[in-house]
Amino acid sequence: VQLQASGGGLVQPGGSLRLSCTASRIMFNVMGWYRQAPGKQRELVSSITAGGSTNYADSVKGRFTISKDYAKNTMYLQMNSLKPEDTAVYYCNTEPVLYVWGQGTQVTVSS
């Protein structure tokens, strides 16, 4: 199974980005977005169950929205009101982690 995250980039504080994760065959698992900032451990940012229930880390609650499109085998992370501390490489995987990590996508929030 390949888990490929995309959609990252450089954005100013207060800006928005939408990340995508294509994950064929496993979209019915609990899926999660993770991130790893320089010098820090990888952390779970948000997760979504097969039924659509969502969970968010306190640091992103109210700013990020996770969603899934089964028809496209794609999971999304809409990130609004981005802050410099959101700078990290973002990854997707199941929750708990079952698959090899993909390359991730870099999100840099800076003026």
N, C-alpha and C. Protein backbone atom coordinates (compact mmCIF):
# COMPACT_ATOMS: atom_id res chain seq x y z
N VAL A 1 0.86 -1.19 0.00
CA VAL A 1 0.00 0.00 0.00
C VAL A 1 0.88 1.23 0.00
N GLN A 2 0.61 2.13 -0.90
CA GLN A 2 1.36 3.39 -0.95
C GLN A 2 0.47 4.51 -0.43
N LEU A 3 1.04 5.28 0.47
CA LEU A 3 0.34 6.41 1.06
C LEU A 3 1.07 7.68 0.66
N GLN A 4 0.49 8.40 -0.26
CA GLN A 4 1.17 9.57 -0.81
C GLN A 4 0.41 10.84 -0.44
N ALA A 5 1.09 11.66 0.36
CA ALA A 5 0.53 12.95 0.73
C ALA A 5 1.01 14.02 -0.24
N SER A 6 0.17 14.99 -0.51
CA SER A 6 0.54 16.08 -1.41
C SER A 6 -0.21 17.34 -1.02
N GLY A 7 0.20 18.45 -1.63
CA GLY A 7 -0.52 19.70 -1.40
C GLY A 7 0.18 20.68 -0.50
N GLY A 8 1.34 20.33 0.01
CA GLY A 8 2.06 21.24 0.87
C GLY A 8 2.65 22.40 0.10
N GLY A 9 3.27 23.33 0.83
CA GLY A 9 3.88 24.48 0.21
C GLY A 9 4.26 25.52 1.22
N LEU A 10 4.63 26.68 0.71
CA LEU A 10 4.98 27.82 1.56
C LEU A 10 3.78 28.76 1.62
N VAL A 11 3.40 29.12 2.82
CA VAL A 11 2.24 29.98 3.00
C VAL A 11 2.52 30.96 4.13
N GLN A 12 1.93 32.13 4.03
CA GLN A 12 2.12 33.12 5.09
C GLN A 12 1.23 32.80 6.28
N PRO A 13 1.61 33.25 7.45
CA PRO A 13 0.74 33.07 8.63
C PRO A 13 -0.67 33.59 8.34
N GLY A 14 -1.64 32.80 8.77
CA GLY A 14 -3.04 33.15 8.50
C GLY A 14 -3.58 32.57 7.22
N GLY A 15 -2.70 32.00 6.41
CA GLY A 15 -3.10 31.43 5.14
C GLY A 15 -3.69 30.03 5.27
N SER A 16 -4.01 29.45 4.11
CA SER A 16 -4.65 28.14 4.07
C SER A 16 -3.96 27.22 3.07
N LEU A 17 -4.06 25.94 3.34
CA LEU A 17 -3.61 24.90 2.41
C LEU A 17 -4.55 23.72 2.54
N ARG A 18 -4.66 22.94 1.49
CA ARG A 18 -5.40 21.69 1.56
C ARG A 18 -4.49 20.55 1.15
N LEU A 19 -4.30 19.64 2.06
CA LEU A 19 -3.49 18.46 1.79
C LEU A 19 -4.37 17.32 1.32
N SER A 20 -3.80 16.47 0.46
CA SER A 20 -4.51 15.31 -0.04
C SER A 20 -3.68 14.06 0.20
N CYS A 21 -4.36 12.96 0.41
CA CYS A 21 -3.69 11.66 0.61
C CYS A 21 -4.47 10.62 -0.16
N THR A 22 -3.82 10.04 -1.14
CA THR A 22 -4.44 8.96 -1.90
C THR A 22 -4.01 7.64 -1.29
N ALA A 23 -4.97 6.83 -0.92
CA ALA A 23 -4.67 5.60 -0.18
C ALA A 23 -5.64 4.52 -0.62
N SER A 24 -5.36 3.92 -1.76
CA SER A 24 -6.27 2.91 -2.28
C SER A 24 -6.38 1.72 -1.32
N ARG A 25 -7.53 1.15 -1.24
CA ARG A 25 -7.83 -0.09 -0.52
C ARG A 25 -7.89 0.03 1.00
N ILE A 26 -7.46 1.12 1.57
CA ILE A 26 -7.47 1.18 3.03
C ILE A 26 -8.33 2.32 3.56
N MET A 27 -9.11 2.92 2.73
CA MET A 27 -9.88 4.07 3.17
C MET A 27 -10.94 3.70 4.19
N PHE A 28 -11.21 2.42 4.36
CA PHE A 28 -12.21 2.03 5.33
C PHE A 28 -11.63 1.84 6.72
N ASN A 29 -10.33 1.95 6.82
CA ASN A 29 -9.70 1.97 8.14
C ASN A 29 -9.86 3.35 8.77
N VAL A 30 -9.51 3.47 10.03
CA VAL A 30 -9.35 4.78 10.64
C VAL A 30 -8.09 5.39 10.02
N MET A 31 -8.23 6.56 9.48
CA MET A 31 -7.12 7.23 8.80
C MET A 31 -6.70 8.46 9.58
N GLY A 32 -5.42 8.77 9.47
CA GLY A 32 -4.92 9.91 10.23
C GLY A 32 -3.94 10.75 9.46
N TRP A 33 -3.87 12.02 9.82
CA TRP A 33 -2.83 12.93 9.36
C TRP A 33 -1.85 13.11 10.51
N TYR A 34 -0.58 13.01 10.18
CA TYR A 34 0.49 13.17 11.15
C TYR A 34 1.43 14.27 10.65
N ARG A 35 2.22 14.80 11.57
CA ARG A 35 3.23 15.76 11.15
C ARG A 35 4.48 15.61 12.02
N GLN A 36 5.59 16.01 11.43
CA GLN A 36 6.86 15.98 12.15
C GLN A 36 7.60 17.27 11.87
N ALA A 37 7.77 18.05 12.92
CA ALA A 37 8.53 19.29 12.82
C ALA A 37 10.00 19.00 13.07
N PRO A 38 10.89 19.86 12.60
CA PRO A 38 12.33 19.63 12.81
C PRO A 38 12.66 19.47 14.29
N GLY A 39 13.37 18.41 14.60
CA GLY A 39 13.80 18.17 15.97
C GLY A 39 12.72 17.64 16.90
N LYS A 40 11.55 17.34 16.35
CA LYS A 40 10.45 16.86 17.19
C LYS A 40 9.98 15.49 16.71
N GLN A 41 9.26 14.81 17.57
CA GLN A 41 8.71 13.51 17.20
C GLN A 41 7.47 13.69 16.33
N ARG A 42 7.20 12.68 15.54
CA ARG A 42 6.00 12.70 14.72
C ARG A 42 4.78 12.64 15.63
N GLU A 43 3.77 13.43 15.29
CA GLU A 43 2.58 13.47 16.12
C GLU A 43 1.33 13.32 15.25
N LEU A 44 0.29 12.79 15.87
CA LEU A 44 -1.01 12.67 15.21
C LEU A 44 -1.71 14.02 15.27
N VAL A 45 -2.12 14.52 14.13
CA VAL A 45 -2.78 15.82 14.05
C VAL A 45 -4.29 15.65 14.05
N SER A 46 -4.75 14.67 13.28
CA SER A 46 -6.19 14.47 13.16
C SER A 46 -6.45 13.07 12.65
N SER A 47 -7.63 12.54 12.98
CA SER A 47 -8.02 11.21 12.49
C SER A 47 -9.49 11.21 12.12
N ILE A 48 -9.84 10.25 11.28
CA ILE A 48 -11.24 10.12 10.84
C ILE A 48 -11.57 8.64 10.72
N THR A 49 -12.71 8.25 11.28
CA THR A 49 -13.11 6.85 11.24
C THR A 49 -13.82 6.54 9.92
N ALA A 50 -14.09 5.27 9.72
CA ALA A 50 -14.82 4.85 8.53
C ALA A 50 -16.20 5.50 8.48
N GLY A 51 -16.77 5.75 9.64
CA GLY A 51 -18.09 6.36 9.70
C GLY A 51 -18.08 7.87 9.64
N GLY A 52 -16.89 8.44 9.62
CA GLY A 52 -16.79 9.90 9.48
C GLY A 52 -16.59 10.66 10.78
N SER A 53 -16.45 9.97 11.89
CA SER A 53 -16.17 10.67 13.15
C SER A 53 -14.74 11.18 13.13
N THR A 54 -14.56 12.39 13.63
CA THR A 54 -13.25 13.02 13.54
C THR A 54 -12.68 13.35 14.91
N ASN A 55 -11.36 13.49 14.94
CA ASN A 55 -10.67 13.85 16.17
C ASN A 55 -9.51 14.76 15.79
N TYR A 56 -9.21 15.74 16.65
CA TYR A 56 -8.15 16.70 16.36
C TYR A 56 -7.28 16.92 17.57
N ALA A 57 -6.00 17.15 17.31
CA ALA A 57 -5.11 17.59 18.38
C ALA A 57 -5.56 18.98 18.82
N ASP A 58 -5.35 19.26 20.10
CA ASP A 58 -5.78 20.56 20.62
C ASP A 58 -5.15 21.73 19.86
N SER A 59 -3.94 21.53 19.39
CA SER A 59 -3.21 22.61 18.72
C SER A 59 -3.82 23.01 17.37
N VAL A 60 -4.65 22.15 16.79
CA VAL A 60 -5.23 22.45 15.48
C VAL A 60 -6.74 22.53 15.50
N LYS A 61 -7.33 22.25 16.64
CA LYS A 61 -8.78 22.23 16.75
C LYS A 61 -9.35 23.59 16.36
N GLY A 62 -10.38 23.56 15.51
CA GLY A 62 -11.00 24.80 15.07
C GLY A 62 -10.35 25.42 13.85
N ARG A 63 -9.17 24.92 13.47
CA ARG A 63 -8.47 25.47 12.30
C ARG A 63 -8.34 24.45 11.18
N PHE A 64 -8.22 23.18 11.53
CA PHE A 64 -8.04 22.12 10.53
C PHE A 64 -9.32 21.30 10.44
N THR A 65 -9.58 20.79 9.23
CA THR A 65 -10.72 19.91 9.01
C THR A 65 -10.29 18.72 8.18
N ILE A 66 -10.55 17.53 8.70
CA ILE A 66 -10.22 16.29 8.01
C ILE A 66 -11.47 15.75 7.33
N SER A 67 -11.28 15.15 6.15
CA SER A 67 -12.41 14.57 5.43
C SER A 67 -11.93 13.45 4.52
N LYS A 68 -12.86 12.64 4.07
CA LYS A 68 -12.53 11.54 3.16
C LYS A 68 -13.52 11.52 2.00
N ASP A 69 -13.03 11.18 0.83
CA ASP A 69 -13.87 10.97 -0.36
C ASP A 69 -13.63 9.54 -0.82
N TYR A 70 -14.57 8.65 -0.50
CA TYR A 70 -14.38 7.23 -0.83
C TYR A 70 -14.34 7.01 -2.33
N ALA A 71 -15.11 7.77 -3.07
CA ALA A 71 -15.14 7.59 -4.52
C ALA A 71 -13.78 7.85 -5.14
N LYS A 72 -13.01 8.72 -4.51
CA LYS A 72 -11.69 9.07 -5.03
C LYS A 72 -10.57 8.42 -4.24
N ASN A 73 -10.92 7.59 -3.23
CA ASN A 73 -9.90 6.99 -2.37
C ASN A 73 -8.94 8.04 -1.82
N THR A 74 -9.47 9.16 -1.45
CA THR A 74 -8.63 10.28 -1.04
C THR A 74 -9.10 10.86 0.29
N MET A 75 -8.13 11.20 1.11
CA MET A 75 -8.38 11.88 2.38
C MET A 75 -7.80 13.28 2.27
N TYR A 76 -8.45 14.23 2.92
CA TYR A 76 -8.02 15.62 2.84
C TYR A 76 -7.77 16.19 4.24
N LEU A 77 -6.94 17.21 4.28
CA LEU A 77 -6.79 18.00 5.49
C LEU A 77 -6.82 19.47 5.07
N GLN A 78 -7.92 20.12 5.36
CA GLN A 78 -8.04 21.55 5.10
C GLN A 78 -7.45 22.30 6.28
N MET A 79 -6.44 23.09 6.02
CA MET A 79 -5.74 23.81 7.08
C MET A 79 -5.94 25.30 6.89
N ASN A 80 -6.60 25.93 7.84
CA ASN A 80 -6.85 27.36 7.80
C ASN A 80 -6.14 28.05 8.97
N SER A 81 -6.02 29.34 8.88
CA SER A 81 -5.39 30.13 9.94
C SER A 81 -4.06 29.53 10.35
N LEU A 82 -3.25 29.22 9.37
CA LEU A 82 -1.98 28.55 9.64
C LEU A 82 -1.04 29.44 10.45
N LYS A 83 -0.27 28.78 11.32
CA LYS A 83 0.67 29.45 12.20
C LYS A 83 2.08 28.93 11.91
N PRO A 84 3.09 29.70 12.24
CA PRO A 84 4.48 29.21 12.04
C PRO A 84 4.72 27.85 12.71
N GLU A 85 4.08 27.61 13.84
CA GLU A 85 4.29 26.35 14.53
C GLU A 85 3.64 25.16 13.82
N ASP A 86 2.88 25.41 12.77
CA ASP A 86 2.34 24.33 11.95
C ASP A 86 3.37 23.83 10.93
N THR A 87 4.48 24.50 10.83
CA THR A 87 5.53 24.10 9.90
C THR A 87 6.03 22.70 10.24
N ALA A 88 5.96 21.81 9.26
CA ALA A 88 6.34 20.41 9.48
C ALA A 88 6.19 19.66 8.16
N VAL A 89 6.67 18.45 8.17
CA VAL A 89 6.35 17.52 7.08
C VAL A 89 5.10 16.76 7.51
N TYR A 90 4.11 16.75 6.65
CA TYR A 90 2.84 16.12 6.95
C TYR A 90 2.75 14.78 6.22
N TYR A 91 2.25 13.79 6.94
CA TYR A 91 2.12 12.43 6.43
C TYR A 91 0.70 11.92 6.67
N CYS A 92 0.34 10.91 5.89
CA CYS A 92 -0.92 10.22 6.16
C CYS A 92 -0.64 8.74 6.40
N ASN A 93 -1.48 8.13 7.19
CA ASN A 93 -1.36 6.71 7.49
C ASN A 93 -2.64 6.29 8.19
N THR A 94 -2.72 5.04 8.52
CA THR A 94 -3.83 4.59 9.33
C THR A 94 -3.57 5.01 10.78
N GLU A 95 -4.61 4.90 11.61
CA GLU A 95 -4.48 5.17 13.03
C GLU A 95 -5.09 4.01 13.78
N PRO A 96 -4.25 3.17 14.45
CA PRO A 96 -2.80 3.29 14.60
C PRO A 96 -2.06 3.01 13.30
N VAL A 97 -0.79 3.34 13.28
CA VAL A 97 0.03 3.22 12.08
C VAL A 97 0.25 1.75 11.72
N LEU A 98 -0.11 1.42 10.47
CA LEU A 98 0.04 0.04 10.01
C LEU A 98 0.96 -0.08 8.79
N TYR A 99 1.20 1.02 8.10
CA TYR A 99 1.91 0.95 6.84
C TYR A 99 3.18 1.77 6.86
N VAL A 100 4.05 1.44 5.92
CA VAL A 100 5.30 2.18 5.77
C VAL A 100 4.97 3.64 5.45
N TRP A 101 5.74 4.54 6.06
CA TRP A 101 5.51 5.96 5.81
C TRP A 101 5.87 6.33 4.38
N GLY A 102 5.05 7.17 3.78
CA GLY A 102 5.38 7.75 2.49
C GLY A 102 6.33 8.92 2.68
N GLN A 103 6.56 9.66 1.60
CA GLN A 103 7.52 10.76 1.65
C GLN A 103 7.01 11.96 2.44
N GLY A 104 5.73 12.12 2.55
CA GLY A 104 5.18 13.28 3.22
C GLY A 104 5.22 14.51 2.33
N THR A 105 4.60 15.56 2.81
CA THR A 105 4.58 16.83 2.07
C THR A 105 4.94 17.96 3.02
N GLN A 106 5.84 18.82 2.58
CA GLN A 106 6.35 19.88 3.44
C GLN A 106 5.37 21.05 3.49
N VAL A 107 5.06 21.48 4.68
CA VAL A 107 4.26 22.68 4.90
C VAL A 107 5.14 23.67 5.66
N THR A 108 5.33 24.83 5.07
CA THR A 108 6.13 25.88 5.71
C THR A 108 5.27 27.13 5.85
N VAL A 109 5.14 27.58 7.08
CA VAL A 109 4.35 28.78 7.36
C VAL A 109 5.31 29.87 7.81
N SER A 110 5.47 30.84 6.97
CA SER A 110 6.46 31.88 7.25
C SER A 110 6.13 33.13 6.46
N SER A 111 6.47 34.27 7.05
CA SER A 111 6.30 35.53 6.35
C SER A 111 7.59 35.94 5.65
